[in-house]
């Protein structure tokens, strides 16, 4: 029976590193564009709060 390192190293190439198949990390250019979605969400929240306060104090 072969030794531990010798058994696995006989069929491996000299530099057994694979090319990276996907980029790591990411920058601001990789962020999804949401447009004015955040402003729309805050507008809807403000309208709902105003309506709730309006109906509470009528």
PDB file of N, CA and C in Angstrom:
ATOM      1  N   UNK A   1       0.855  -1.172   0.000  1.00  0.00           N
ATOM      2  CA  UNK A   1       0.000   0.000   0.000  1.00  0.00           C
ATOM      3  C   UNK A   1       0.901   1.235   0.000  1.00  0.00           C
ATOM      4  N   UNK A   2       0.483   2.258  -0.732  1.00  0.00           N
ATOM      5  CA  UNK A   2       1.293   3.473  -0.859  1.00  0.00           C
ATOM      6  C   UNK A   2       1.126   4.348   0.374  1.00  0.00           C
ATOM      7  N   UNK A   3       2.120   5.207   0.591  1.00  0.00           N
ATOM      8  CA  UNK A   3       2.045   6.135   1.720  1.00  0.00           C
ATOM      9  C   UNK A   3       0.979   7.194   1.471  1.00  0.00           C
ATOM     10  N   UNK A   4       0.615   7.957   2.499  1.00  0.00           N
ATOM     11  CA  UNK A   4      -0.462   8.934   2.408  1.00  0.00           C
ATOM     12  C   UNK A   4      -0.280   9.982   1.322  1.00  0.00           C
ATOM     13  N   UNK A   5       0.832  10.693   1.303  1.00  0.00           N
ATOM     14  CA  UNK A   5       1.056  11.749   0.314  1.00  0.00           C
ATOM     15  C   UNK A   5       1.330  11.183  -1.070  1.00  0.00           C
ATOM     16  N   UNK A   6       2.019  10.083  -1.125  1.00  0.00           N
ATOM     17  CA  UNK A   6       2.374   9.492  -2.413  1.00  0.00           C
ATOM     18  C   UNK A   6       1.132   9.000  -3.153  1.00  0.00           C
ATOM     19  N   UNK A   7       0.142   8.476  -2.443  1.00  0.00           N
ATOM     20  CA  UNK A   7      -1.065   7.936  -3.076  1.00  0.00           C
ATOM     21  C   UNK A   7      -1.844   9.011  -3.828  1.00  0.00           C
ATOM     22  N   UNK A   8      -1.997  10.179  -3.218  1.00  0.00           N
ATOM     23  CA  UNK A   8      -2.800  11.232  -3.834  1.00  0.00           C
ATOM     24  C   UNK A   8      -2.012  12.067  -4.827  1.00  0.00           C
ATOM     25  N   UNK A   9      -0.713  12.114  -4.728  1.00  0.00           N
ATOM     26  CA  UNK A   9       0.057  13.013  -5.577  1.00  0.00           C
ATOM     27  C   UNK A   9       0.467  12.394  -6.906  1.00  0.00           C
ATOM     28  N   UNK A  10       0.321  11.109  -7.103  1.00  0.00           N
ATOM     29  CA  UNK A  10       0.841  10.514  -8.338  1.00  0.00           C
ATOM     30  C   UNK A  10       0.022  10.896  -9.577  1.00  0.00           C
ATOM     31  N   UNK A  11      -1.279  11.131  -9.444  1.00  0.00           N
ATOM     32  CA  UNK A  11      -2.103  11.476 -10.602  1.00  0.00           C
ATOM     33  C   UNK A  11      -2.403  12.964 -10.716  1.00  0.00           C
ATOM     34  N   UNK A  12      -1.872  13.757  -9.809  1.00  0.00           N
ATOM     35  CA  UNK A  12      -2.174  15.190  -9.828  1.00  0.00           C
ATOM     36  C   UNK A  12      -1.146  15.945 -10.656  1.00  0.00           C
ATOM     37  N   UNK A  13      -1.571  17.030 -11.298  1.00  0.00           N
ATOM     38  CA  UNK A  13      -0.601  17.841 -12.036  1.00  0.00           C
ATOM     39  C   UNK A  13       0.344  18.553 -11.073  1.00  0.00           C
ATOM     40  N   UNK A  14       1.379  19.167 -11.638  1.00  0.00           N
ATOM     41  CA  UNK A  14       2.386  19.817 -10.808  1.00  0.00           C
ATOM     42  C   UNK A  14       1.812  20.990 -10.016  1.00  0.00           C
ATOM     43  N   UNK A  15       0.959  21.787 -10.643  1.00  0.00           N
ATOM     44  CA  UNK A  15       0.316  22.936  -9.980  1.00  0.00           C
ATOM     45  C   UNK A  15      -1.202  22.734 -10.043  1.00  0.00           C
ATOM     46  N   UNK A  16      -1.777  22.035  -9.086  1.00  0.00           N
ATOM     47  CA  UNK A  16      -3.197  21.661  -9.167  1.00  0.00           C
ATOM     48  C   UNK A  16      -4.151  22.767  -8.723  1.00  0.00           C
ATOM     49  N   UNK A  17      -4.082  23.934  -9.341  1.00  0.00           N
ATOM     50  CA  UNK A  17      -5.007  25.016  -8.993  1.00  0.00           C
ATOM     51  C   UNK A  17      -5.956  25.258 -10.160  1.00  0.00           C
ATOM     52  N   UNK A  18      -7.223  25.336  -9.849  1.00  0.00           N
ATOM     53  CA  UNK A  18      -8.223  25.582 -10.886  1.00  0.00           C
ATOM     54  C   UNK A  18      -8.388  27.080 -11.085  1.00  0.00           C
ATOM     55  N   UNK A  19      -8.748  27.435 -12.294  1.00  0.00           N
ATOM     56  CA  UNK A  19      -9.049  28.838 -12.566  1.00  0.00           C
ATOM     57  C   UNK A  19     -10.330  29.215 -11.832  1.00  0.00           C
ATOM     58  N   UNK A  20     -10.410  30.450 -11.359  1.00  0.00           N
ATOM     59  CA  UNK A  20     -11.585  30.882 -10.622  1.00  0.00           C
ATOM     60  C   UNK A  20     -12.762  31.017 -11.583  1.00  0.00           C
ATOM     61  N   UNK A  21     -13.887  30.415 -11.233  1.00  0.00           N
ATOM     62  CA  UNK A  21     -15.023  30.392 -12.147  1.00  0.00           C
ATOM     63  C   UNK A  21     -15.992  31.556 -11.947  1.00  0.00           C
ATOM     64  N   UNK A  22     -15.800  32.339 -10.923  1.00  0.00           N
ATOM     65  CA  UNK A  22     -16.677  33.489 -10.710  1.00  0.00           C
ATOM     66  C   UNK A  22     -15.903  34.565  -9.954  1.00  0.00           C
ATOM     67  N   UNK A  23     -16.218  35.803 -10.202  1.00  0.00           N
ATOM     68  CA  UNK A  23     -15.502  36.869  -9.498  1.00  0.00           C
ATOM     69  C   UNK A  23     -15.924  36.935  -8.035  1.00  0.00           C
ATOM     70  N   UNK A  24     -15.033  37.374  -7.209  1.00  0.00           N
ATOM     71  CA  UNK A  24     -15.339  37.534  -5.790  1.00  0.00           C
ATOM     72  C   UNK A  24     -15.627  38.983  -5.487  1.00  0.00           C
ATOM     73  N   UNK A  25     -16.364  39.203  -4.435  1.00  0.00           N
ATOM     74  CA  UNK A  25     -16.631  40.567  -3.989  1.00  0.00           C
ATOM     75  C   UNK A  25     -17.564  41.285  -4.943  1.00  0.00           C
ATOM     76  N   UNK A  26     -17.249  42.493  -5.206  1.00  0.00           N
ATOM     77  CA  UNK A  26     -18.072  43.297  -6.089  1.00  0.00           C
ATOM     78  C   UNK A  26     -17.991  44.735  -5.652  1.00  0.00           C
ATOM     79  N   UNK A  27     -18.227  45.598  -6.560  1.00  0.00           N
ATOM     80  CA  UNK A  27     -18.160  47.012  -6.258  1.00  0.00           C
ATOM     81  C   UNK A  27     -19.502  47.662  -6.472  1.00  0.00           C
ATOM     82  N   UNK A  28     -19.508  48.972  -6.464  1.00  0.00           N
ATOM     83  CA  UNK A  28     -20.777  49.672  -6.649  1.00  0.00           C
ATOM     84  C   UNK A  28     -21.398  49.422  -8.016  1.00  0.00           C
ATOM     85  N   UNK A  29     -20.584  49.084  -9.000  1.00  0.00           N
ATOM     86  CA  UNK A  29     -21.148  48.819 -10.326  1.00  0.00           C
ATOM     87  C   UNK A  29     -21.906  47.500 -10.371  1.00  0.00           C
ATOM     88  N   UNK A  30     -21.696  46.625  -9.388  1.00  0.00           N
ATOM     89  CA  UNK A  30     -22.393  45.341  -9.353  1.00  0.00           C
ATOM     90  C   UNK A  30     -23.706  45.411  -8.579  1.00  0.00           C
ATOM     91  N   UNK A  31     -23.965  46.529  -7.920  1.00  0.00           N
ATOM     92  CA  UNK A  31     -25.182  46.668  -7.148  1.00  0.00           C
ATOM     93  C   UNK A  31     -26.388  46.827  -8.087  1.00  0.00           C
ATOM     94  N   UNK A  32     -27.496  46.184  -7.792  1.00  0.00           N
ATOM     95  CA  UNK A  32     -28.668  46.344  -8.664  1.00  0.00           C
ATOM     96  C   UNK A  32     -29.206  47.763  -8.596  1.00  0.00           C
ATOM     97  N   UNK A  33     -29.633  48.244  -9.738  1.00  0.00           N
ATOM     98  CA  UNK A  33     -30.177  49.606  -9.775  1.00  0.00           C
ATOM     99  C   UNK A  33     -31.641  49.564  -9.383  1.00  0.00           C
ATOM    100  N   UNK A  34     -32.022  50.386  -8.428  1.00  0.00           N
ATOM    101  CA  UNK A  34     -33.405  50.399  -7.961  1.00  0.00           C
ATOM    102  C   UNK A  34     -34.132  51.652  -8.424  1.00  0.00           C
ATOM    103  N   UNK A  35     -33.421  52.599  -9.007  1.00  0.00           N
ATOM    104  CA  UNK A  35     -34.070  53.808  -9.477  1.00  0.00           C
ATOM    105  C   UNK A  35     -34.605  54.620  -8.328  1.00  0.00           C
ATOM    106  N   UNK A  36     -35.864  55.015  -8.408  1.00  0.00           N
ATOM    107  CA  UNK A  36     -36.495  55.847  -7.382  1.00  0.00           C
ATOM    108  C   UNK A  36     -37.347  55.009  -6.437  1.00  0.00           C
ATOM    109  N   UNK A  37     -37.026  53.759  -6.329  1.00  0.00           N
ATOM    110  CA  UNK A  37     -37.834  52.849  -5.518  1.00  0.00           C
ATOM    111  C   UNK A  37     -37.821  53.248  -4.047  1.00  0.00           C
ATOM    112  N   UNK A  38     -36.676  53.673  -3.523  1.00  0.00           N
ATOM    113  CA  UNK A  38     -36.601  54.051  -2.116  1.00  0.00           C
ATOM    114  C   UNK A  38     -37.459  55.274  -1.831  1.00  0.00           C
ATOM    115  N   UNK A  39     -37.445  56.245  -2.723  1.00  0.00           N
ATOM    116  CA  UNK A  39     -38.270  57.438  -2.529  1.00  0.00           C
ATOM    117  C   UNK A  39     -39.750  57.074  -2.581  1.00  0.00           C
ATOM    118  N   UNK A  40     -40.117  56.162  -3.462  1.00  0.00           N
ATOM    119  CA  UNK A  40     -41.514  55.729  -3.560  1.00  0.00           C
ATOM    120  C   UNK A  40     -41.953  55.014  -2.286  1.00  0.00           C
ATOM    121  N   UNK A  41     -41.095  54.185  -1.740  1.00  0.00           N
ATOM    122  CA  UNK A  41     -41.429  53.466  -0.507  1.00  0.00           C
ATOM    123  C   UNK A  41     -41.651  54.455   0.637  1.00  0.00           C
ATOM    124  N   UNK A  42     -40.753  55.444   0.778  1.00  0.00           N
ATOM    125  CA  UNK A  42     -40.910  56.427   1.852  1.00  0.00           C
ATOM    126  C   UNK A  42     -42.156  57.292   1.633  1.00  0.00           C
ATOM    127  N   UNK A  43     -42.485  57.589   0.380  1.00  0.00           N
ATOM    128  CA  UNK A  43     -43.698  58.355   0.091  1.00  0.00           C
ATOM    129  C   UNK A  43     -44.939  57.566   0.523  1.00  0.00           C
ATOM    130  N   UNK A  44     -44.985  56.298   0.209  1.00  0.00           N
ATOM    131  CA  UNK A  44     -46.133  55.460   0.585  1.00  0.00           C
ATOM    132  C   UNK A  44     -46.226  55.348   2.110  1.00  0.00           C
ATOM    133  N   UNK A  45     -45.097  55.188   2.781  1.00  0.00           N
ATOM    134  CA  UNK A  45     -45.102  55.115   4.251  1.00  0.00           C
ATOM    135  C   UNK A  45     -45.632  56.413   4.838  1.00  0.00           C
ATOM    136  N   UNK A  46     -45.203  57.554   4.292  1.00  0.00           N
ATOM    137  CA  UNK A  46     -45.662  58.849   4.795  1.00  0.00           C
ATOM    138  C   UNK A  46     -47.165  59.022   4.579  1.00  0.00           C
ATOM    139  N   UNK A  47     -47.662  58.617   3.422  1.00  0.00           N
ATOM    140  CA  UNK A  47     -49.106  58.728   3.149  1.00  0.00           C
ATOM    141  C   UNK A  47     -49.904  57.852   4.102  1.00  0.00           C
ATOM    142  N   UNK A  48     -49.443  56.652   4.359  1.00  0.00           N
ATOM    143  CA  UNK A  48     -50.154  55.749   5.275  1.00  0.00           C
ATOM    144  C   UNK A  48     -50.154  56.329   6.690  1.00  0.00           C
ATOM    145  N   UNK A  49     -49.030  56.866   7.143  1.00  0.00           N
ATOM    146  CA  UNK A  49     -48.965  57.456   8.480  1.00  0.00           C
ATOM    147  C   UNK A  49     -49.907  58.651   8.579  1.00  0.00           C
ATOM    148  N   UNK A  50     -49.928  59.497   7.557  1.00  0.00           N
ATOM    149  CA  UNK A  50     -50.820  60.667   7.565  1.00  0.00           C
ATOM    150  C   UNK A  50     -52.275  60.221   7.595  1.00  0.00           C
ATOM    151  N   UNK A  51     -52.615  59.204   6.804  1.00  0.00           N
ATOM    152  CA  UNK A  51     -54.003  58.726   6.800  1.00  0.00           C
ATOM    153  C   UNK A  51     -54.392  58.117   8.148  1.00  0.00           C
ATOM    154  N   UNK A  52     -53.512  57.372   8.757  1.00  0.00           N
ATOM    155  CA  UNK A  52     -53.808  56.773  10.068  1.00  0.00           C
ATOM    156  C   UNK A  52     -54.007  57.879  11.098  1.00  0.00           C
ATOM    157  N   UNK A  53     -53.116  58.860  11.118  1.00  0.00           N
ATOM    158  CA  UNK A  53     -53.268  59.970  12.060  1.00  0.00           C
ATOM    159  C   UNK A  53     -54.550  60.762  11.793  1.00  0.00           C
ATOM    160  N   UNK A  54     -54.901  60.937  10.532  1.00  0.00           N
ATOM    161  CA  UNK A  54     -56.118  61.662  10.167  1.00  0.00           C
ATOM    162  C   UNK A  54     -57.359  60.947  10.721  1.00  0.00           C
ATOM    163  N   UNK A  55     -57.408  59.617  10.542  1.00  0.00           N
ATOM    164  CA  UNK A  55     -58.582  58.883  11.012  1.00  0.00           C
ATOM    165  C   UNK A  55     -58.607  58.726  12.525  1.00  0.00           C
ATOM    166  N   UNK A  56     -57.464  58.775  13.174  1.00  0.00           N
ATOM    167  CA  UNK A  56     -57.447  58.691  14.640  1.00  0.00           C
ATOM    168  C   UNK A  56     -57.989  59.981  15.252  1.00  0.00           C
ATOM    169  N   UNK A  57     -57.639  61.120  14.686  1.00  0.00           N
ATOM    170  CA  UNK A  57     -58.001  62.405  15.291  1.00  0.00           C
ATOM    171  C   UNK A  57     -59.264  63.042  14.697  1.00  0.00           C
ATOM    172  N   UNK A  58     -60.031  62.313  13.920  1.00  0.00           N
ATOM    173  CA  UNK A  58     -61.316  62.870  13.422  1.00  0.00           C
ATOM    174  C   UNK A  58     -62.382  62.683  14.464  1.00  0.00           C
TER     175      UNK A  58
END
